[in-house]
Protein backbone atom coordinates (compact mmCIF):
# COMPACT_ATOMS: atom_id res chain seq x y z
CA MET A 1 127.56 -108.04 44.98
CA HIS A 2 131.08 -109.46 45.29
CA LEU A 3 131.74 -113.21 45.14
CA LEU A 4 134.65 -115.57 45.73
CA LEU A 5 134.99 -118.16 42.96
CA ILE A 6 137.11 -121.23 43.72
CA GLU A 7 137.42 -123.21 40.49
CA ASP A 8 140.48 -124.81 38.88
CA ASP A 9 139.23 -125.08 35.27
CA LEU A 10 140.64 -122.13 33.31
CA ASP A 11 138.06 -122.01 30.53
CA PHE A 12 135.11 -122.51 32.85
CA GLY A 13 136.42 -119.99 35.35
CA ARG A 14 136.96 -117.30 32.71
CA ALA A 15 133.51 -117.90 31.21
CA LEU A 16 131.82 -117.81 34.60
CA GLN A 17 133.59 -114.60 35.65
CA GLY A 18 132.50 -113.00 32.37
CA ALA A 19 128.89 -114.06 32.87
CA LEU A 20 128.87 -112.73 36.42
CA LYS A 21 130.38 -109.42 35.30
CA ALA A 22 127.65 -109.06 32.66
CA GLU A 23 125.14 -109.23 35.53
CA GLY A 24 126.98 -106.55 37.49
CA ILE A 25 128.51 -109.07 39.90
CA SER A 26 132.20 -108.71 40.71
CA SER A 27 134.31 -111.68 41.74
CA GLU A 28 137.73 -112.83 42.88
CA TRP A 29 138.91 -116.10 41.36
CA LEU A 30 141.15 -118.66 43.07
CA ARG A 31 142.19 -122.01 41.57
CA ARG A 32 143.68 -123.85 44.56
CA ALA A 33 142.34 -124.89 47.95
CA GLY A 34 145.57 -123.69 49.53
CA ASP A 35 144.87 -120.12 48.41
CA ALA A 36 141.42 -120.02 49.98
CA PRO A 37 140.90 -117.92 53.13
CA GLN A 38 140.77 -119.61 56.51
CA GLY A 39 137.45 -117.92 57.27
CA PHE A 40 135.28 -115.01 56.18
CA HIS A 41 135.03 -112.69 59.15
CA ASP A 42 135.44 -109.06 58.01
CA THR A 43 135.82 -110.07 54.35
CA PRO A 44 134.09 -108.40 51.39
CA PHE A 45 132.58 -111.59 49.96
CA ASP A 46 128.81 -111.93 49.83
CA CYS A 47 128.87 -115.55 48.62
CA VAL A 48 131.31 -118.33 47.67
CA LEU A 49 131.06 -120.47 44.54
CA LEU A 50 133.01 -123.61 45.42
CA ASP A 51 134.15 -126.38 43.11
CA LEU A 52 134.65 -129.73 44.82
CA SER A 53 137.50 -131.14 42.71
CA LEU A 54 140.55 -128.94 43.21
CA PRO A 55 144.15 -129.84 42.29
CA ASP A 56 145.41 -129.68 45.89
CA GLY A 57 142.37 -130.71 47.89
CA CYS A 58 138.64 -131.25 48.13
CA GLY A 59 136.02 -128.54 48.38
CA PHE A 60 134.29 -130.50 51.14
CA ASP A 61 137.36 -130.01 53.35
CA LEU A 62 137.30 -126.24 52.75
CA LEU A 63 133.61 -126.11 53.55
CA ALA A 64 134.08 -128.05 56.78
CA ARG A 65 136.93 -125.76 57.85
CA TRP A 66 134.88 -122.62 57.24
CA ARG A 67 131.91 -123.93 59.18
CA ARG A 68 134.15 -124.94 62.09
CA THR A 69 135.22 -121.30 62.36
CA ALA A 70 131.54 -120.24 62.43
CA SER A 71 131.84 -118.52 59.05
CA ALA A 72 128.27 -117.93 57.93
CA VAL A 73 128.98 -116.64 54.42
CA PRO A 74 126.70 -118.45 51.93
CA VAL A 75 128.41 -121.23 49.94
CA ILE A 76 127.11 -122.70 46.68
CA VAL A 77 128.84 -125.94 45.73
CA MET A 78 129.48 -126.45 42.01
CA THR A 79 130.45 -129.92 40.81
CA ALA A 80 130.15 -132.47 38.05
CA ARG A 81 129.28 -135.07 40.70
CA SER A 82 125.57 -135.73 40.41
CA GLY A 83 125.20 -138.55 42.92
CA LEU A 84 122.75 -138.19 45.80
CA ALA A 85 125.45 -139.03 48.35
CA ASP A 86 127.59 -136.07 47.25
CA ARG A 87 124.63 -133.68 47.28
CA LEU A 88 123.64 -134.78 50.76
CA LYS A 89 127.24 -134.54 51.99
CA GLY A 90 127.49 -130.98 50.68
CA LEU A 91 124.19 -129.77 52.10
CA ASP A 92 124.64 -131.57 55.43
CA GLY A 93 128.19 -130.19 55.59
CA GLY A 94 127.00 -126.61 55.55
CA ALA A 95 126.54 -125.72 51.87
CA ASP A 96 123.63 -123.39 51.20
CA ASP A 97 122.97 -124.80 47.73
CA PHE A 98 124.33 -127.40 45.31
CA ILE A 99 124.40 -127.10 41.52
CA VAL A 100 125.57 -129.79 39.10
CA LYS A 101 127.73 -128.98 36.07
CA PRO A 102 126.99 -128.27 33.31
CA PHE A 103 124.42 -125.66 34.29
CA ALA A 104 122.85 -122.57 32.75
CA THR A 105 124.44 -119.37 34.01
CA GLU A 106 120.97 -117.89 34.47
CA GLU A 107 120.10 -120.68 36.91
CA LEU A 108 123.28 -120.11 38.93
CA ILE A 109 122.66 -116.37 39.18
CA SER A 110 119.07 -117.01 40.25
CA ARG A 111 120.34 -119.41 42.93
CA ILE A 112 122.90 -116.84 44.13
CA ARG A 113 120.17 -114.24 44.57
CA ALA A 114 117.91 -116.71 46.36
CA VAL A 115 120.70 -117.73 48.75
CA LEU A 116 121.53 -114.10 49.51
CA ARG A 117 117.87 -113.30 50.17
CA ARG A 118 117.76 -116.13 52.71
CA TYR A 119 121.05 -115.00 54.23
CA ALA A 120 119.70 -111.48 54.59
CA ARG A 121 116.49 -112.91 56.07
CA GLN A 122 114.54 -111.45 53.15
CA ALA A 123 111.96 -113.52 51.26
CA SER A 124 111.73 -111.48 48.05
CA GLU A 125 113.51 -108.97 45.84
CA GLN A 126 112.20 -106.29 48.22
CA TRP A 127 114.00 -106.10 51.56
CA ILE A 128 111.79 -104.73 54.32
CA VAL A 129 113.52 -103.25 57.38
CA GLY A 130 111.02 -101.37 59.50
CA PRO A 131 109.78 -98.44 57.40
CA LEU A 132 112.56 -98.97 54.84
CA THR A 133 112.05 -100.85 51.58
CA ILE A 134 115.17 -101.74 49.59
CA GLU A 135 115.28 -103.24 46.11
CA PRO A 136 118.92 -104.23 45.48
CA ARG A 137 118.52 -105.11 41.79
CA ARG A 138 116.85 -101.77 41.04
CA TYR A 139 119.20 -99.72 43.24
CA LEU A 140 116.12 -98.27 44.87
CA ALA A 141 115.31 -97.47 48.49
CA ARG A 142 112.18 -95.97 50.02
CA LEU A 143 111.36 -94.61 53.43
CA GLY A 144 107.64 -95.17 53.70
CA ALA A 145 106.27 -93.89 50.38
CA GLU A 146 109.22 -91.55 49.75
CA THR A 147 111.92 -92.65 47.30
CA LEU A 148 115.32 -91.86 48.79
CA LYS A 149 117.95 -90.02 46.78
CA LEU A 150 121.10 -91.91 47.71
CA SER A 151 124.55 -91.81 46.19
CA PRO A 152 125.97 -95.19 45.02
CA ARG A 153 128.13 -95.40 48.17
CA GLU A 154 125.22 -94.49 50.44
CA PHE A 155 123.05 -97.13 48.80
CA GLN A 156 125.78 -99.76 49.16
CA LEU A 157 126.26 -98.80 52.81
CA LEU A 158 122.53 -99.13 53.47
CA LEU A 159 122.51 -102.51 51.71
CA GLU A 160 125.37 -103.84 53.81
CA LEU A 161 123.72 -102.73 57.05
CA ALA A 162 120.36 -104.15 55.92
CA ARG A 163 121.75 -107.64 55.32
CA GLU A 164 121.53 -108.29 59.06
CA PRO A 165 119.27 -105.71 60.71
CA GLY A 166 119.91 -105.35 64.40
CA VAL A 167 123.42 -106.79 64.10
CA VAL A 168 126.57 -104.67 64.40
CA VAL A 169 128.55 -104.51 61.15
CA ALA A 170 132.23 -103.83 61.83
CA LYS A 171 133.90 -100.83 60.22
CA GLY A 172 136.58 -103.16 58.87
CA ALA A 173 133.96 -105.19 57.01
CA LEU A 174 132.33 -102.06 55.61
CA SER A 175 135.75 -100.78 54.55
CA GLN A 176 136.22 -103.83 52.33
CA ARG A 177 132.66 -104.25 51.10
CA LEU A 178 132.10 -100.68 49.91
CA ASP A 179 134.79 -101.10 47.25
CA PRO A 180 135.62 -104.82 47.00
CA LEU A 181 137.85 -104.51 43.93
CA GLY A 182 139.70 -101.37 45.01
CA GLU A 183 141.49 -100.01 48.04
CA PRO A 184 139.66 -100.37 51.36
CA VAL A 185 137.59 -97.29 52.17
CA ASP A 186 139.12 -95.41 55.11
CA PHE A 187 137.12 -95.12 58.31
CA ALA A 188 136.82 -91.34 58.10
CA THR A 189 135.11 -91.65 54.71
CA ILE A 190 132.76 -94.31 56.11
CA GLU A 191 131.81 -91.96 58.92
CA VAL A 192 130.94 -89.24 56.37
CA HIS A 193 128.74 -91.67 54.42
CA VAL A 194 127.04 -92.82 57.63
CA SER A 195 126.36 -89.20 58.58
CA ASN A 196 124.84 -88.48 55.16
CA LEU A 197 122.75 -91.64 55.28
CA ARG A 198 121.46 -90.81 58.76
CA ARG A 199 120.37 -87.41 57.50
CA LYS A 200 118.30 -89.09 54.77
CA ILE A 201 116.74 -91.99 56.66
CA GLY A 202 116.71 -90.64 60.19
CA ALA A 203 119.58 -90.57 62.68
CA GLU A 204 117.71 -92.91 65.03
CA ARG A 205 117.79 -95.73 62.45
CA ILE A 206 121.57 -96.19 62.54
CA HIS A 207 123.20 -96.74 65.92
CA THR A 208 126.93 -96.59 66.57
CA ALA A 209 128.67 -99.39 68.45
CA ARG A 210 131.66 -97.41 69.71
CA GLY A 211 134.96 -98.75 68.51
CA ILE A 212 133.27 -101.49 66.49
CA GLY A 213 130.85 -100.35 63.79
CA TYR A 214 127.21 -99.62 63.06
CA VAL A 215 123.83 -101.29 63.31
CA LEU A 216 120.65 -100.65 61.32
CA VAL A 217 117.67 -100.62 63.66
CA PRO A 218 114.80 -102.81 62.36
């Protein structure tokens, strides 16, 4: 899991990044609204943690801009504002969740997982895609009753395709998401991983959209 953290407070940002890392969650940290991306198409971020009070702007404005571009990446608003009006403005403006500071890190991580389950159209820690069962937290995948022996990259590839079954995932997006903190994975390497994954789960379960990417068949 790779998150974008937009938070201007140095101490809080460092502490939050450390807590996320302890849970195996990588993150990129920005402190200004002006440094935030225009949208999230073909980006490696699974979720955004957004502070409302930024030194050069308001988080609500960022959120509105992203939703105008049809960016569907989940956004969790973090703020010290506890008023009902602010919560309603955030949720009605396209936020997927709203958490008031100070909060327990455990609660935030639980909310992140819940938001990502909803985004992936999965209702539990087990993702069901046809005959496939995937448990992201346990790094486990099964085809029927058989536990699959997948490499870390193969498992990550399956996870990315399973987030939106039946939807084409662009090669460019996979290139970033398979190694979010390193160099983008080249397309030839992705093709090798796809070939290996097809051999293990069945070639008919991963279709190729020529010139675009791949789709996991539900």
